């Protein structure tokens, strides 16, 4: 039935549906950084930071990776559960390695710092999986 102002109810429902679908289907943007320290072949410190981006990230979507996730599991928990795969993914994107080694009185000491500097990623939750896409 046509309303007094034209077909406003129909157009309003279409706009509302488009707004809802765009918010659900659109990937969220996150800032991710990772760092760990190795002292004499023992990992002494591990730091994984993930936060929601406050402003939209500009960049071209590059390589992506898909992880399975459980119900009620956060993105950080899912990534930490797939820790080794995620490290290999970051290595392909580029990491920074700083190494120091010294020998003092016949004793060898080594220090290695591996860092993936903060970069923007698009993360999309789909049916029990998380799609992570690097923005270059």
C-alpha atoms as a PDB file:
ATOM      1  CA  UNK A   1       0.000   0.000   0.000  1.00  0.00           C
ATOM      2  CA  UNK A   2       1.334   3.396  -0.948  1.00  0.00           C
ATOM      3  CA  UNK A   3       1.890   5.934   1.804  1.00  0.00           C
ATOM      4  CA  UNK A   4       1.104   9.656   1.745  1.00  0.00           C
ATOM      5  CA  UNK A   5       4.776  10.560   1.030  1.00  0.00           C
ATOM      6  CA  UNK A   6       5.263   8.033  -1.722  1.00  0.00           C
ATOM      7  CA  UNK A   7       6.810   4.645  -1.150  1.00  0.00           C
ATOM      8  CA  UNK A   8       8.953   5.722   1.820  1.00  0.00           C
ATOM      9  CA  UNK A   9       8.470   2.594   3.907  1.00  0.00           C
ATOM     10  CA  UNK A  10       9.829   0.419   1.105  1.00  0.00           C
ATOM     11  CA  UNK A  11      12.856   2.629   0.418  1.00  0.00           C
ATOM     12  CA  UNK A  12      13.559   2.984   4.148  1.00  0.00           C
ATOM     13  CA  UNK A  13      13.565  -0.794   4.613  1.00  0.00           C
ATOM     14  CA  UNK A  14      15.920  -1.215   1.632  1.00  0.00           C
ATOM     15  CA  UNK A  15      18.332   1.378   3.087  1.00  0.00           C
ATOM     16  CA  UNK A  16      18.174  -0.280   6.486  1.00  0.00           C
ATOM     17  CA  UNK A  17      18.872  -3.692   4.953  1.00  0.00           C
ATOM     18  CA  UNK A  18      21.870  -2.359   2.983  1.00  0.00           C
ATOM     19  CA  UNK A  19      23.261  -0.670   6.098  1.00  0.00           C
ATOM     20  CA  UNK A  20      22.884  -3.850   8.130  1.00  0.00           C
ATOM     21  CA  UNK A  21      24.485  -6.083   5.491  1.00  0.00           C
ATOM     22  CA  UNK A  22      27.389  -3.716   4.928  1.00  0.00           C
ATOM     23  CA  UNK A  23      28.169  -3.641   8.653  1.00  0.00           C
ATOM     24  CA  UNK A  24      27.961  -7.431   8.970  1.00  0.00           C
ATOM     25  CA  UNK A  25      29.812  -8.363   5.789  1.00  0.00           C
ATOM     26  CA  UNK A  26      32.493  -5.708   6.082  1.00  0.00           C
ATOM     27  CA  UNK A  27      35.790  -6.745   7.625  1.00  0.00           C
ATOM     28  CA  UNK A  28      37.031  -4.977  10.741  1.00  0.00           C
ATOM     29  CA  UNK A  29      40.476  -3.443  10.746  1.00  0.00           C
ATOM     30  CA  UNK A  30      42.988  -4.270  13.468  1.00  0.00           C
ATOM     31  CA  UNK A  31      46.538  -3.263  14.289  1.00  0.00           C
ATOM     32  CA  UNK A  32      48.769  -6.235  15.057  1.00  0.00           C
ATOM     33  CA  UNK A  33      52.352  -6.346  16.294  1.00  0.00           C
ATOM     34  CA  UNK A  34      54.435  -9.270  17.496  1.00  0.00           C
ATOM     35  CA  UNK A  35      57.811  -9.493  19.208  1.00  0.00           C
ATOM     36  CA  UNK A  36      59.780 -12.154  20.988  1.00  0.00           C
ATOM     37  CA  UNK A  37      63.196 -12.328  22.573  1.00  0.00           C
ATOM     38  CA  UNK A  38      65.471 -15.357  22.618  1.00  0.00           C
ATOM     39  CA  UNK A  39      68.341 -15.471  25.106  1.00  0.00           C
ATOM     40  CA  UNK A  40      70.703 -18.422  24.773  1.00  0.00           C
ATOM     41  CA  UNK A  41      68.175 -20.478  22.734  1.00  0.00           C
ATOM     42  CA  UNK A  42      65.388 -19.942  25.277  1.00  0.00           C
ATOM     43  CA  UNK A  43      62.412 -17.715  24.536  1.00  0.00           C
ATOM     44  CA  UNK A  44      62.448 -15.257  27.427  1.00  0.00           C
ATOM     45  CA  UNK A  45      59.762 -12.789  26.385  1.00  0.00           C
ATOM     46  CA  UNK A  46      56.849 -12.902  23.995  1.00  0.00           C
ATOM     47  CA  UNK A  47      54.644  -9.940  23.186  1.00  0.00           C
ATOM     48  CA  UNK A  48      51.581 -10.124  20.947  1.00  0.00           C
ATOM     49  CA  UNK A  49      49.461  -6.990  20.659  1.00  0.00           C
ATOM     50  CA  UNK A  50      46.202  -6.648  18.791  1.00  0.00           C
ATOM     51  CA  UNK A  51      43.856  -3.689  18.911  1.00  0.00           C
ATOM     52  CA  UNK A  52      40.960  -2.360  16.933  1.00  0.00           C
ATOM     53  CA  UNK A  53      42.087   0.413  14.549  1.00  0.00           C
ATOM     54  CA  UNK A  54      40.753   3.810  15.597  1.00  0.00           C
ATOM     55  CA  UNK A  55      40.828   5.160  12.035  1.00  0.00           C
ATOM     56  CA  UNK A  56      40.352   3.307   8.790  1.00  0.00           C
ATOM     57  CA  UNK A  57      43.510   1.864   7.312  1.00  0.00           C
ATOM     58  CA  UNK A  58      44.459   2.614   3.774  1.00  0.00           C
ATOM     59  CA  UNK A  59      46.182  -0.036   1.770  1.00  0.00           C
ATOM     60  CA  UNK A  60      45.858  -2.745  -0.797  1.00  0.00           C
ATOM     61  CA  UNK A  61      44.812  -6.185   0.483  1.00  0.00           C
ATOM     62  CA  UNK A  62      47.733  -8.570   0.080  1.00  0.00           C
ATOM     63  CA  UNK A  63      48.154 -12.109   1.350  1.00  0.00           C
ATOM     64  CA  UNK A  64      45.531 -13.642   3.612  1.00  0.00           C
ATOM     65  CA  UNK A  65      45.297 -16.603   5.950  1.00  0.00           C
ATOM     66  CA  UNK A  66      42.304 -18.466   7.376  1.00  0.00           C
ATOM     67  CA  UNK A  67      42.046 -19.940  10.880  1.00  0.00           C
ATOM     68  CA  UNK A  68      39.230 -21.983  12.359  1.00  0.00           C
ATOM     69  CA  UNK A  69      37.734 -20.548  15.524  1.00  0.00           C
ATOM     70  CA  UNK A  70      35.551 -21.909  18.284  1.00  0.00           C
ATOM     71  CA  UNK A  71      32.385 -20.361  19.627  1.00  0.00           C
ATOM     72  CA  UNK A  72      32.919 -17.513  22.121  1.00  0.00           C
ATOM     73  CA  UNK A  73      36.624 -17.332  21.281  1.00  0.00           C
ATOM     74  CA  UNK A  74      38.217 -13.928  20.741  1.00  0.00           C
ATOM     75  CA  UNK A  75      40.358 -13.114  17.738  1.00  0.00           C
ATOM     76  CA  UNK A  76      43.480 -12.970  19.905  1.00  0.00           C
ATOM     77  CA  UNK A  77      42.770 -16.409  21.404  1.00  0.00           C
ATOM     78  CA  UNK A  78      42.236 -17.877  17.940  1.00  0.00           C
ATOM     79  CA  UNK A  79      45.511 -16.436  16.643  1.00  0.00           C
ATOM     80  CA  UNK A  80      47.415 -17.642  19.713  1.00  0.00           C
ATOM     81  CA  UNK A  81      45.941 -21.121  19.275  1.00  0.00           C
ATOM     82  CA  UNK A  82      47.324 -21.130  15.700  1.00  0.00           C
ATOM     83  CA  UNK A  83      50.579 -19.554  16.877  1.00  0.00           C
ATOM     84  CA  UNK A  84      53.034 -21.393  14.622  1.00  0.00           C
ATOM     85  CA  UNK A  85      51.010 -20.857  11.443  1.00  0.00           C
ATOM     86  CA  UNK A  86      50.628 -17.164  12.263  1.00  0.00           C
ATOM     87  CA  UNK A  87      54.400 -16.749  12.818  1.00  0.00           C
ATOM     88  CA  UNK A  88      55.085 -18.362   9.432  1.00  0.00           C
ATOM     89  CA  UNK A  89      52.535 -15.989   7.871  1.00  0.00           C
ATOM     90  CA  UNK A  90      54.266 -12.971   9.456  1.00  0.00           C
ATOM     91  CA  UNK A  91      57.676 -14.202   8.291  1.00  0.00           C
ATOM     92  CA  UNK A  92      56.433 -14.125   4.694  1.00  0.00           C
ATOM     93  CA  UNK A  93      55.266 -10.528   5.193  1.00  0.00           C
ATOM     94  CA  UNK A  94      58.583  -9.393   6.639  1.00  0.00           C
ATOM     95  CA  UNK A  95      60.127  -9.382  10.092  1.00  0.00           C
ATOM     96  CA  UNK A  96      63.058  -7.570  11.663  1.00  0.00           C
ATOM     97  CA  UNK A  97      65.804  -9.547  13.383  1.00  0.00           C
ATOM     98  CA  UNK A  98      68.400  -8.069  15.714  1.00  0.00           C
ATOM     99  CA  UNK A  99      71.111 -10.378  16.944  1.00  0.00           C
ATOM    100  CA  UNK A 100      73.989 -10.024  19.391  1.00  0.00           C
ATOM    101  CA  UNK A 101      76.459 -12.634  20.441  1.00  0.00           C
ATOM    102  CA  UNK A 102      79.580 -12.513  22.528  1.00  0.00           C
ATOM    103  CA  UNK A 103      82.050 -14.862  24.126  1.00  0.00           C
ATOM    104  CA  UNK A 104      83.408 -13.943  27.546  1.00  0.00           C
ATOM    105  CA  UNK A 105      85.783 -16.230  29.428  1.00  0.00           C
ATOM    106  CA  UNK A 106      84.939 -19.203  27.255  1.00  0.00           C
ATOM    107  CA  UNK A 107      81.190 -18.669  27.772  1.00  0.00           C
ATOM    108  CA  UNK A 108      78.979 -17.954  24.759  1.00  0.00           C
ATOM    109  CA  UNK A 109      75.965 -15.635  25.148  1.00  0.00           C
ATOM    110  CA  UNK A 110      73.459 -14.839  22.428  1.00  0.00           C
ATOM    111  CA  UNK A 111      70.516 -12.490  22.232  1.00  0.00           C
ATOM    112  CA  UNK A 112      68.034 -12.444  19.357  1.00  0.00           C
ATOM    113  CA  UNK A 113      65.059 -10.100  19.023  1.00  0.00           C
ATOM    114  CA  UNK A 114      62.479 -10.878  16.348  1.00  0.00           C
ATOM    115  CA  UNK A 115      59.964  -8.120  15.653  1.00  0.00           C
ATOM    116  CA  UNK A 116      56.994  -7.713  13.369  1.00  0.00           C
ATOM    117  CA  UNK A 117      56.241  -4.007  13.544  1.00  0.00           C
ATOM    118  CA  UNK A 118      52.680  -2.782  13.883  1.00  0.00           C
ATOM    119  CA  UNK A 119      50.691  -3.168  10.669  1.00  0.00           C
ATOM    120  CA  UNK A 120      47.053  -2.973   9.722  1.00  0.00           C
ATOM    121  CA  UNK A 121      45.049  -6.117   8.971  1.00  0.00           C
ATOM    122  CA  UNK A 122      41.473  -6.739   7.920  1.00  0.00           C
ATOM    123  CA  UNK A 123      39.927  -9.462  10.031  1.00  0.00           C
ATOM    124  CA  UNK A 124      36.635 -10.985   9.019  1.00  0.00           C
ATOM    125  CA  UNK A 125      34.624 -13.475  11.077  1.00  0.00           C
ATOM    126  CA  UNK A 126      32.815 -16.036   8.973  1.00  0.00           C
ATOM    127  CA  UNK A 127      31.132 -19.298   9.973  1.00  0.00           C
ATOM    128  CA  UNK A 128      33.629 -20.641  12.550  1.00  0.00           C
ATOM    129  CA  UNK A 129      36.623 -19.164  10.732  1.00  0.00           C
ATOM    130  CA  UNK A 130      38.646 -15.980  10.808  1.00  0.00           C
ATOM    131  CA  UNK A 131      40.041 -14.481   7.609  1.00  0.00           C
ATOM    132  CA  UNK A 132      43.102 -12.288   8.226  1.00  0.00           C
ATOM    133  CA  UNK A 133      44.252 -10.099   5.330  1.00  0.00           C
ATOM    134  CA  UNK A 134      47.367  -7.947   5.389  1.00  0.00           C
ATOM    135  CA  UNK A 135      46.947  -4.378   4.098  1.00  0.00           C
ATOM    136  CA  UNK A 136      50.082  -3.162   2.356  1.00  0.00           C
END
